Protein backbone atom coordinates (compact mmCIF):
# COMPACT_ATOMS: atom_id res chain seq x y z
CA UNK A 1 0.00 0.00 0.00
CA UNK A 2 1.41 3.36 -1.00
CA UNK A 3 1.56 6.23 1.50
CA UNK A 4 -1.07 8.09 -0.51
CA UNK A 5 -3.47 5.15 -0.16
CA UNK A 6 -3.42 4.98 3.62
CA UNK A 7 -6.92 4.94 5.06
CA UNK A 8 -7.89 8.08 6.90
CA UNK A 9 -7.50 7.38 10.58
CA UNK A 10 -8.96 9.62 13.24
CA UNK A 11 -6.30 11.87 14.72
CA UNK A 12 -4.68 10.34 17.75
CA UNK A 13 -5.22 12.44 20.84
CA UNK A 14 -2.84 12.62 23.72
CA UNK A 15 -4.62 10.91 26.59
CA UNK A 16 -3.54 11.88 30.12
CA UNK A 17 -5.85 9.43 31.91
CA UNK A 18 -3.17 6.73 32.07
CA UNK A 19 -0.79 9.18 33.78
CA UNK A 20 -3.48 10.20 36.25
CA UNK A 21 -4.22 6.54 37.01
CA UNK A 22 -0.50 5.84 37.50
CA UNK A 23 -0.27 8.78 39.92
CA UNK A 24 -3.39 7.62 41.77
CA UNK A 25 -2.06 4.08 42.19
CA UNK A 26 1.34 5.42 43.27
CA UNK A 27 -0.25 6.84 46.41
CA UNK A 28 -2.04 3.58 47.23
CA UNK A 29 -1.01 1.86 50.47
CA UNK A 30 -0.13 -1.30 48.55
CA UNK A 31 2.35 0.49 46.28
CA UNK A 32 3.87 2.48 49.14
CA UNK A 33 4.38 -0.61 51.31
CA UNK A 34 5.77 -2.55 48.37
CA UNK A 35 8.25 0.26 47.66
CA UNK A 36 9.19 0.44 51.34
CA UNK A 37 9.74 -3.33 51.45
CA UNK A 38 11.89 -3.33 48.32
CA UNK A 39 13.91 -0.13 48.75
CA UNK A 40 13.50 0.92 52.38
CA UNK A 41 11.85 4.26 51.53
CA UNK A 42 8.37 5.39 50.56
CA UNK A 43 7.82 6.52 46.97
CA UNK A 44 7.31 10.28 46.64
CA UNK A 45 5.71 9.71 43.20
CA UNK A 46 7.65 12.59 41.65
CA UNK A 47 8.12 10.76 38.35
CA UNK A 48 4.36 10.17 38.12
CA UNK A 49 3.67 13.86 38.83
CA UNK A 50 6.23 14.85 36.18
CA UNK A 51 4.60 12.54 33.60
CA UNK A 52 1.13 13.94 34.31
CA UNK A 53 2.28 17.57 34.17
CA UNK A 54 4.19 16.91 30.94
CA UNK A 55 1.10 15.36 29.39
CA UNK A 56 -1.06 18.32 30.41
CA UNK A 57 1.54 20.75 29.05
CA UNK A 58 1.65 18.88 25.74
CA UNK A 59 -2.11 19.25 25.39
CA UNK A 60 -1.61 23.01 25.04
CA UNK A 61 0.78 22.62 22.08
CA UNK A 62 0.02 22.13 18.40
CA UNK A 63 0.14 18.63 16.93
CA UNK A 64 3.40 19.31 15.06
CA UNK A 65 5.08 20.58 18.23
CA UNK A 66 3.83 17.58 20.20
CA UNK A 67 5.15 15.08 17.65
CA UNK A 68 8.50 16.87 17.52
CA UNK A 69 8.81 16.96 21.32
CA UNK A 70 7.83 13.30 21.71
CA UNK A 71 10.35 12.21 19.08
CA UNK A 72 13.10 14.24 20.79
CA UNK A 73 12.24 12.64 24.15
CA UNK A 74 12.28 9.17 22.63
CA UNK A 75 15.74 9.74 21.15
CA UNK A 76 17.07 11.21 24.42
CA UNK A 77 15.83 8.30 26.53
CA UNK A 78 18.56 5.79 27.38
CA UNK A 79 18.31 2.31 25.94
CA UNK A 80 16.65 -0.32 28.12
CA UNK A 81 19.75 -2.51 28.25
CA UNK A 82 23.24 -1.37 29.13
CA UNK A 83 25.76 -3.36 27.15
CA UNK A 84 29.01 -4.08 28.99
CA UNK A 85 32.10 -6.17 28.53
CA UNK A 86 32.67 -9.04 30.95
CA UNK A 87 35.05 -6.91 33.05
CA UNK A 88 32.65 -3.96 33.13
CA UNK A 89 29.75 -6.24 34.07
CA UNK A 90 31.78 -7.84 36.85
CA UNK A 91 32.86 -4.46 38.24
CA UNK A 92 29.26 -3.19 38.10
CA UNK A 93 27.94 -6.32 39.82
CA UNK A 94 30.45 -5.99 42.67
CA UNK A 95 29.66 -2.29 43.00
CA UNK A 96 25.94 -3.03 43.31
CA UNK A 97 25.98 -6.21 45.43
CA UNK A 98 29.25 -6.22 47.40
CA UNK A 99 27.51 -5.14 50.60
CA UNK A 100 25.17 -8.13 50.42
CA UNK A 101 27.97 -10.61 49.80
CA UNK A 102 30.04 -9.20 52.65
CA UNK A 103 27.09 -9.19 55.09
CA UNK A 104 25.95 -12.73 54.42
CA UNK A 105 27.54 -15.62 56.24
CA UNK A 106 29.36 -18.28 54.23
CA UNK A 107 27.25 -21.28 53.30
CA UNK A 108 27.33 -24.07 55.86
CA UNK A 109 28.40 -27.49 54.71
CA UNK A 110 26.87 -30.49 56.33
CA UNK A 111 28.59 -33.83 56.48
CA UNK A 112 25.89 -36.44 56.70
CA UNK A 113 28.41 -39.28 56.73
CA UNK A 114 30.26 -38.24 59.90
């Protein structure tokens, strides 16, 4: 199908409901206790607020500006995976988990034939 033959689709609107729902669930007791259990601190939900405010700000812009801003944000966002060499991965692992390895006791060996 050629670009000229594309069916006319209704214009996609920027919907901020999903950001509002994410902010609402961020303040739920379940999410806060889960965050406290995992990280030892409560979530201040600042990223959810930022996403909602950004969405509301984009609604005041023209469609061309919105598309341009969203493409720029997508390009600026870091890739999901960080590729490392074996040495870099090892150094990063020890940096992140050394405290847990040092705090844990060595595994106990049991001789059942003694």
